[in-house]
Every structure is written in C-alpha cells, then in structure tokens.
Amino acid sequence: MAFSPSGGYSGGSSSLQNSNSGCSERNQQQHHVMDQKKRKRMLSNRESARRSRMKKQKLMDDLVAQVNQLNRENNQISTSVEITTNLCMKIEAENGIISAQVAELSNRLQSLNEIIYYMHSPSCNYLIDEDYEENMFNDCGFMMDLWNSVPFNQPIMASSDMFMY
C-alpha cells in the first residue's frame, strides 16, 4: 500500500471507495424499499380514507331517509289529530244541542204532568160538568188556557251557537 500525498494510502483508497459504493447501493436499496413501503402505506391510507368517506356518506344518506320517513309519519299524525279534534268539537256541539233539547223536553214533560195532575184534581170537575163554558173560568180555567197554549207536534229547535264554550 502506497502512501498518497493527500494523506492517505493509495491502495486503501480504492478499497475504501469500493466499500463506500457498496454502502451507497445498500442505502439506495434501503431507500427504494422504504419508498415502496411509504407508497404502499400512502395507498393504504388513501383507500382507508375513501372507505371512511363512503361509510360516512352511507350513514348520512340513511339519516336523511330516516328524517324523511319521520316527517311523513309526523304529518300523518298531525292530520289525524286535526281530524279527531274537529270531530270532537262537532260531537261536543251536538251534545250541547241534545242537552238543550233534553232540558226543553223535560220542562214540557213537567208542565204536561202538572196539567194532568190538575185536570184529575177534584177541584177541576168542569170536564165532566155540563156547563163547560161557565166552569171554564173557575179556579182551574188557567189550566185550560195553558193546555191550549202547549204546542203539540212542534219540532224542538236548538243550535250550537246558543252555547258558549
């Protein structure tokens, strides 16, 4: 081995260069392998991100479909509640009319029962008396006038605006 003027051995420098070139090739191979691993990892990450986006989009689509279904159900329920409320108000109005009719019929029945009671009382014997016209104005005469003023076969009319809710 010869000594070179640059301060190294000439024979040794060629072997050193050979060893450096071997390291360089190994480094290049390592870099190449690392680049391949890096590219493979990047592709894997991209694919994972794509799957994640697709999964998120599917979840969003499912939620939108569920919101639409719930809105349709809500509209159906609201319509049903509105119809039921209107029907309930109509029935309440009819109940008010019927209650008024019952009260009116009860008053008429009570009046008729009173008339029948007074007509069968001993002081009202003009129905069997021959002098009907003379006895018409006796103490039971007001009953005959009341009897003649009772309208028969007349419909009972009541309306829902008579009642305030």
C-alpha atoms as a PDB file:
ATOM      1  CA  MET A   1       0.000   0.000   0.000  1.00  0.00           C
ATOM      2  CA  ALA A   2       1.314   3.243  -1.033  1.00  0.00           C
ATOM      3  CA  PHE A   3       1.037   6.450   0.716  1.00  0.00           C
ATOM      4  CA  SER A   4      -0.531   9.214  -1.251  1.00  0.00           C
ATOM      5  CA  PRO A   5       0.325  12.895  -0.977  1.00  0.00           C
ATOM      6  CA  SER A   6      -3.217  13.686   0.091  1.00  0.00           C
ATOM      7  CA  GLY A   7      -2.508  11.929   3.317  1.00  0.00           C
ATOM      8  CA  GLY A   8      -3.993   8.567   2.648  1.00  0.00           C
ATOM      9  CA  TYR A   9      -2.936   5.275   1.311  1.00  0.00           C
ATOM     10  CA  SER A  10      -3.453   4.852  -2.402  1.00  0.00           C
ATOM     11  CA  GLY A  11      -4.187   1.164  -2.235  1.00  0.00           C
ATOM     12  CA  GLY A  12      -6.542   1.652   0.594  1.00  0.00           C
ATOM     13  CA  SER A  13      -8.494   4.417  -1.083  1.00  0.00           C
ATOM     14  CA  SER A  14      -9.744   2.156  -3.864  1.00  0.00           C
ATOM     15  CA  SER A  15     -10.912  -0.383  -1.360  1.00  0.00           C
ATOM     16  CA  LEU A  16     -12.487   2.396   0.663  1.00  0.00           C
ATOM     17  CA  GLN A  17     -14.284   3.655  -2.415  1.00  0.00           C
ATOM     18  CA  ASN A  18     -15.476   0.147  -3.139  1.00  0.00           C
ATOM     19  CA  SER A  19     -16.825  -0.171   0.378  1.00  0.00           C
ATOM     20  CA  ASN A  20     -18.454   3.274   0.064  1.00  0.00           C
ATOM     21  CA  SER A  21     -20.078   2.326  -3.200  1.00  0.00           C
ATOM     22  CA  GLY A  22     -21.406  -0.864  -1.556  1.00  0.00           C
ATOM     23  CA  CYS A  23     -22.915   1.204   1.243  1.00  0.00           C
ATOM     24  CA  SER A  24     -24.364   3.563  -1.261  1.00  0.00           C
ATOM     25  CA  GLU A  25     -26.011   0.740  -3.155  1.00  0.00           C
ATOM     26  CA  ARG A  26     -27.347  -0.677   0.090  1.00  0.00           C
ATOM     27  CA  ASN A  27     -28.597   2.750   1.093  1.00  0.00           C
ATOM     28  CA  GLN A  28     -30.250   3.149  -2.271  1.00  0.00           C
ATOM     29  CA  GLN A  29     -31.871  -0.257  -1.911  1.00  0.00           C
ATOM     30  CA  GLN A  30     -32.989   0.626   1.599  1.00  0.00           C
ATOM     31  CA  HIS A  31     -34.330   3.949   0.339  1.00  0.00           C
ATOM     32  CA  HIS A  32     -36.054   2.147  -2.506  1.00  0.00           C
ATOM     33  CA  VAL A  33     -37.596  -0.382  -0.087  1.00  0.00           C
ATOM     34  CA  MET A  34     -38.594   2.432   2.261  1.00  0.00           C
ATOM     35  CA  ASP A  35     -40.089   4.398  -0.642  1.00  0.00           C
ATOM     36  CA  GLN A  36     -42.081   1.334  -1.663  1.00  0.00           C
ATOM     37  CA  LYS A  37     -43.310   0.871   1.920  1.00  0.00           C
ATOM     38  CA  LYS A  38     -44.123   4.574   2.119  1.00  0.00           C
ATOM     39  CA  ARG A  39     -46.052   4.442  -1.183  1.00  0.00           C
ATOM     40  CA  LYS A  40     -47.846   1.283  -0.051  1.00  0.00           C
ATOM     41  CA  ARG A  41     -48.766   2.949   3.261  1.00  0.00           C
ATOM     42  CA  MET A  42     -49.970   6.074   1.432  1.00  0.00           C
ATOM     43  CA  LEU A  43     -52.145   3.958  -0.889  1.00  0.00           C
ATOM     44  CA  SER A  44     -53.487   2.037   2.083  1.00  0.00           C
ATOM     45  CA  ASN A  45     -54.262   5.307   3.874  1.00  0.00           C
ATOM     46  CA  ARG A  46     -55.989   6.691   0.783  1.00  0.00           C
ATOM     47  CA  GLU A  47     -58.095   3.533   0.455  1.00  0.00           C
ATOM     48  CA  SER A  48     -58.967   3.661   4.153  1.00  0.00           C
ATOM     49  CA  ALA A  49     -59.953   7.338   3.854  1.00  0.00           C
ATOM     50  CA  ARG A  50     -62.085   6.528   0.777  1.00  0.00           C
ATOM     51  CA  ARG A  51     -63.850   3.708   2.685  1.00  0.00           C
ATOM     52  CA  SER A  52     -64.352   6.053   5.630  1.00  0.00           C
ATOM     53  CA  ARG A  53     -65.890   8.730   3.366  1.00  0.00           C
ATOM     54  CA  MET A  54     -68.148   6.148   1.731  1.00  0.00           C
ATOM     55  CA  LYS A  55     -69.232   4.851   5.151  1.00  0.00           C
ATOM     56  CA  LYS A  56     -69.906   8.410   6.332  1.00  0.00           C
ATOM     57  CA  GLN A  57     -71.905   9.173   3.146  1.00  0.00           C
ATOM     58  CA  LYS A  58     -73.982   5.999   3.582  1.00  0.00           C
ATOM     59  CA  LEU A  59     -74.691   6.928   7.207  1.00  0.00           C
ATOM     60  CA  MET A  60     -75.702  10.433   6.102  1.00  0.00           C
ATOM     61  CA  ASP A  61     -77.998   9.023   3.386  1.00  0.00           C
ATOM     62  CA  ASP A  62     -79.584   6.666   5.915  1.00  0.00           C
ATOM     63  CA  LEU A  63     -80.157   9.541   8.350  1.00  0.00           C
ATOM     64  CA  VAL A  64     -81.718  11.701   5.617  1.00  0.00           C
ATOM     65  CA  ALA A  65     -84.035   8.826   4.657  1.00  0.00           C
ATOM     66  CA  GLN A  66     -84.969   8.362   8.323  1.00  0.00           C
ATOM     67  CA  VAL A  67     -85.692  12.109   8.698  1.00  0.00           C
ATOM     68  CA  ASN A  68     -87.926  11.994   5.620  1.00  0.00           C
ATOM     69  CA  GLN A  69     -89.799   8.935   6.956  1.00  0.00           C
ATOM     70  CA  LEU A  70     -90.268  10.572  10.365  1.00  0.00           C
ATOM     71  CA  ASN A  71     -91.535  13.766   8.700  1.00  0.00           C
ATOM     72  CA  ARG A  72     -94.104  11.752   6.734  1.00  0.00           C
ATOM     73  CA  GLU A  73     -95.235   9.969   9.919  1.00  0.00           C
ATOM     74  CA  ASN A  74     -95.407  13.304  11.757  1.00  0.00           C
ATOM     75  CA  ASN A  75     -97.594  14.782   9.004  1.00  0.00           C
ATOM     76  CA  GLN A  76     -99.910  11.758   9.141  1.00  0.00           C
ATOM     77  CA  ILE A  77    -100.190  12.015  12.924  1.00  0.00           C
ATOM     78  CA  SER A  78    -100.813  15.777  12.755  1.00  0.00           C
ATOM     79  CA  THR A  79    -103.558  15.249  10.181  1.00  0.00           C
ATOM     80  CA  SER A  80    -105.104  12.522  12.314  1.00  0.00           C
ATOM     81  CA  VAL A  81    -105.019  14.739  15.418  1.00  0.00           C
ATOM     82  CA  GLU A  82    -106.622  17.609  13.481  1.00  0.00           C
ATOM     83  CA  ILE A  83    -109.402  15.358  12.158  1.00  0.00           C
ATOM     84  CA  THR A  84    -110.001  13.906  15.630  1.00  0.00           C
ATOM     85  CA  THR A  85    -110.071  17.392  17.190  1.00  0.00           C
ATOM     86  CA  ASN A  86    -112.599  18.615  14.621  1.00  0.00           C
ATOM     87  CA  LEU A  87    -114.738  15.521  15.180  1.00  0.00           C
ATOM     88  CA  CYS A  88    -114.563  16.024  18.957  1.00  0.00           C
ATOM     89  CA  MET A  89    -115.661  19.674  18.612  1.00  0.00           C
ATOM     90  CA  LYS A  90    -118.541  18.617  16.363  1.00  0.00           C
ATOM     91  CA  ILE A  91    -119.651  15.966  18.870  1.00  0.00           C
ATOM     92  CA  GLU A  92    -119.413  18.493  21.723  1.00  0.00           C
ATOM     93  CA  ALA A  93    -121.638  20.891  19.754  1.00  0.00           C
ATOM     94  CA  GLU A  94    -124.135  18.091  19.093  1.00  0.00           C
ATOM     95  CA  ASN A  95    -124.058  17.184  22.800  1.00  0.00           C
ATOM     96  CA  GLY A  96    -124.861  20.813  23.637  1.00  0.00           C
ATOM     97  CA  ILE A  97    -127.813  20.769  21.257  1.00  0.00           C
ATOM     98  CA  ILE A  98    -129.053  17.467  22.656  1.00  0.00           C
ATOM     99  CA  SER A  99    -128.648  18.761  26.226  1.00  0.00           C
ATOM    100  CA  ALA A 100    -130.740  21.820  25.350  1.00  0.00           C
ATOM    101  CA  GLN A 101    -133.374  19.589  23.757  1.00  0.00           C
ATOM    102  CA  VAL A 102    -133.412  17.327  26.830  1.00  0.00           C
ATOM    103  CA  ALA A 103    -133.858  20.360  29.106  1.00  0.00           C
ATOM    104  CA  GLU A 104    -136.672  21.718  26.923  1.00  0.00           C
ATOM    105  CA  LEU A 105    -138.407  18.338  26.745  1.00  0.00           C
ATOM    106  CA  SER A 106    -138.031  17.897  30.497  1.00  0.00           C
ATOM    107  CA  ASN A 107    -139.693  21.276  31.073  1.00  0.00           C
ATOM    108  CA  ARG A 108    -142.508  20.362  28.688  1.00  0.00           C
ATOM    109  CA  LEU A 109    -142.981  16.991  30.360  1.00  0.00           C
ATOM    110  CA  GLN A 110    -143.088  18.608  33.763  1.00  0.00           C
ATOM    111  CA  SER A 111    -145.683  21.104  32.526  1.00  0.00           C
ATOM    112  CA  LEU A 112    -147.774  18.335  30.982  1.00  0.00           C
ATOM    113  CA  ASN A 113    -147.574  16.286  34.160  1.00  0.00           C
ATOM    114  CA  GLU A 114    -148.737  19.295  36.140  1.00  0.00           C
ATOM    115  CA  ILE A 115    -151.630  19.794  33.718  1.00  0.00           C
ATOM    116  CA  ILE A 116    -152.623  16.149  34.045  1.00  0.00           C
ATOM    117  CA  TYR A 117    -152.379  16.376  37.829  1.00  0.00           C
ATOM    118  CA  TYR A 118    -154.617  19.461  37.975  1.00  0.00           C
ATOM    119  CA  MET A 119    -157.061  18.002  35.492  1.00  0.00           C
ATOM    120  CA  HIS A 120    -157.538  14.988  37.717  1.00  0.00           C
ATOM    121  CA  SER A 121    -157.814  17.059  40.862  1.00  0.00           C
ATOM    122  CA  PRO A 122    -161.261  17.218  42.489  1.00  0.00           C
ATOM    123  CA  SER A 123    -161.497  20.992  42.136  1.00  0.00           C
ATOM    124  CA  CYS A 124    -161.315  20.713  38.324  1.00  0.00           C
ATOM    125  CA  ASN A 125    -164.501  18.878  37.591  1.00  0.00           C
ATOM    126  CA  TYR A 126    -165.556  21.028  34.665  1.00  0.00           C
ATOM    127  CA  LEU A 127    -164.515  18.313  32.209  1.00  0.00           C
ATOM    128  CA  ILE A 128    -167.482  16.244  33.274  1.00  0.00           C
ATOM    129  CA  ASP A 129    -169.750  19.204  34.001  1.00  0.00           C
ATOM    130  CA  GLU A 130    -172.481  20.081  31.554  1.00  0.00           C
ATOM    131  CA  ASP A 131    -171.841  23.771  31.902  1.00  0.00           C
ATOM    132  CA  TYR A 132    -168.385  23.674  30.444  1.00  0.00           C
ATOM    133  CA  GLU A 133    -168.344  27.298  29.397  1.00  0.00           C
ATOM    134  CA  GLU A 134    -169.300  28.547  32.806  1.00  0.00           C
ATOM    135  CA  ASN A 135    -166.716  26.435  34.585  1.00  0.00           C
ATOM    136  CA  MET A 136    -164.010  27.209  32.100  1.00  0.00           C
ATOM    137  CA  PHE A 137    -163.030  30.291  34.059  1.00  0.00           C
ATOM    138  CA  ASN A 138    -163.215  28.778  37.516  1.00  0.00           C
ATOM    139  CA  ASP A 139    -160.148  28.103  39.599  1.00  0.00           C
ATOM    140  CA  CYS A 140    -158.825  25.602  37.005  1.00  0.00           C
ATOM    141  CA  GLY A 141    -159.556  27.797  33.995  1.00  0.00           C
ATOM    142  CA  PHE A 142    -156.000  28.977  33.777  1.00  0.00           C
ATOM    143  CA  MET A 143    -155.036  25.348  33.239  1.00  0.00           C
ATOM    144  CA  MET A 144    -157.238  25.065  30.191  1.00  0.00           C
ATOM    145  CA  ASP A 145    -155.670  28.159  28.739  1.00  0.00           C
ATOM    146  CA  LEU A 146    -152.247  26.690  29.468  1.00  0.00           C
ATOM    147  CA  TRP A 147    -153.311  23.389  27.914  1.00  0.00           C
ATOM    148  CA  ASN A 148    -154.449  25.125  24.737  1.00  0.00           C
ATOM    149  CA  SER A 149    -151.211  27.084  24.517  1.00  0.00           C
ATOM    150  CA  VAL A 150    -148.972  23.984  24.583  1.00  0.00           C
ATOM    151  CA  PRO A 151    -147.848  23.346  21.014  1.00  0.00           C
ATOM    152  CA  PHE A 152    -148.129  19.701  20.023  1.00  0.00           C
ATOM    153  CA  ASN A 153    -146.139  18.078  17.242  1.00  0.00           C
ATOM    154  CA  GLN A 154    -143.853  21.056  17.040  1.00  0.00           C
ATOM    155  CA  PRO A 155    -140.147  20.312  16.467  1.00  0.00           C
ATOM    156  CA  ILE A 156    -137.709  21.303  19.138  1.00  0.00           C
ATOM    157  CA  MET A 157    -135.059  23.535  17.699  1.00  0.00           C
ATOM    158  CA  ALA A 158    -131.727  24.296  19.310  1.00  0.00           C
ATOM    159  CA  SER A 159    -128.456  25.331  17.792  1.00  0.00           C
ATOM    160  CA  SER A 160    -124.843  25.159  18.842  1.00  0.00           C
ATOM    161  CA  ASP A 161    -124.439  28.962  18.840  1.00  0.00           C
ATOM    162  CA  MET A 162    -126.701  29.080  21.870  1.00  0.00           C
ATOM    163  CA  PHE A 163    -123.814  27.710  23.918  1.00  0.00           C
ATOM    164  CA  MET A 164    -120.507  29.366  24.625  1.00  0.00           C
ATOM    165  CA  TYR A 165    -117.549  27.076  25.234  1.00  0.00           C
END
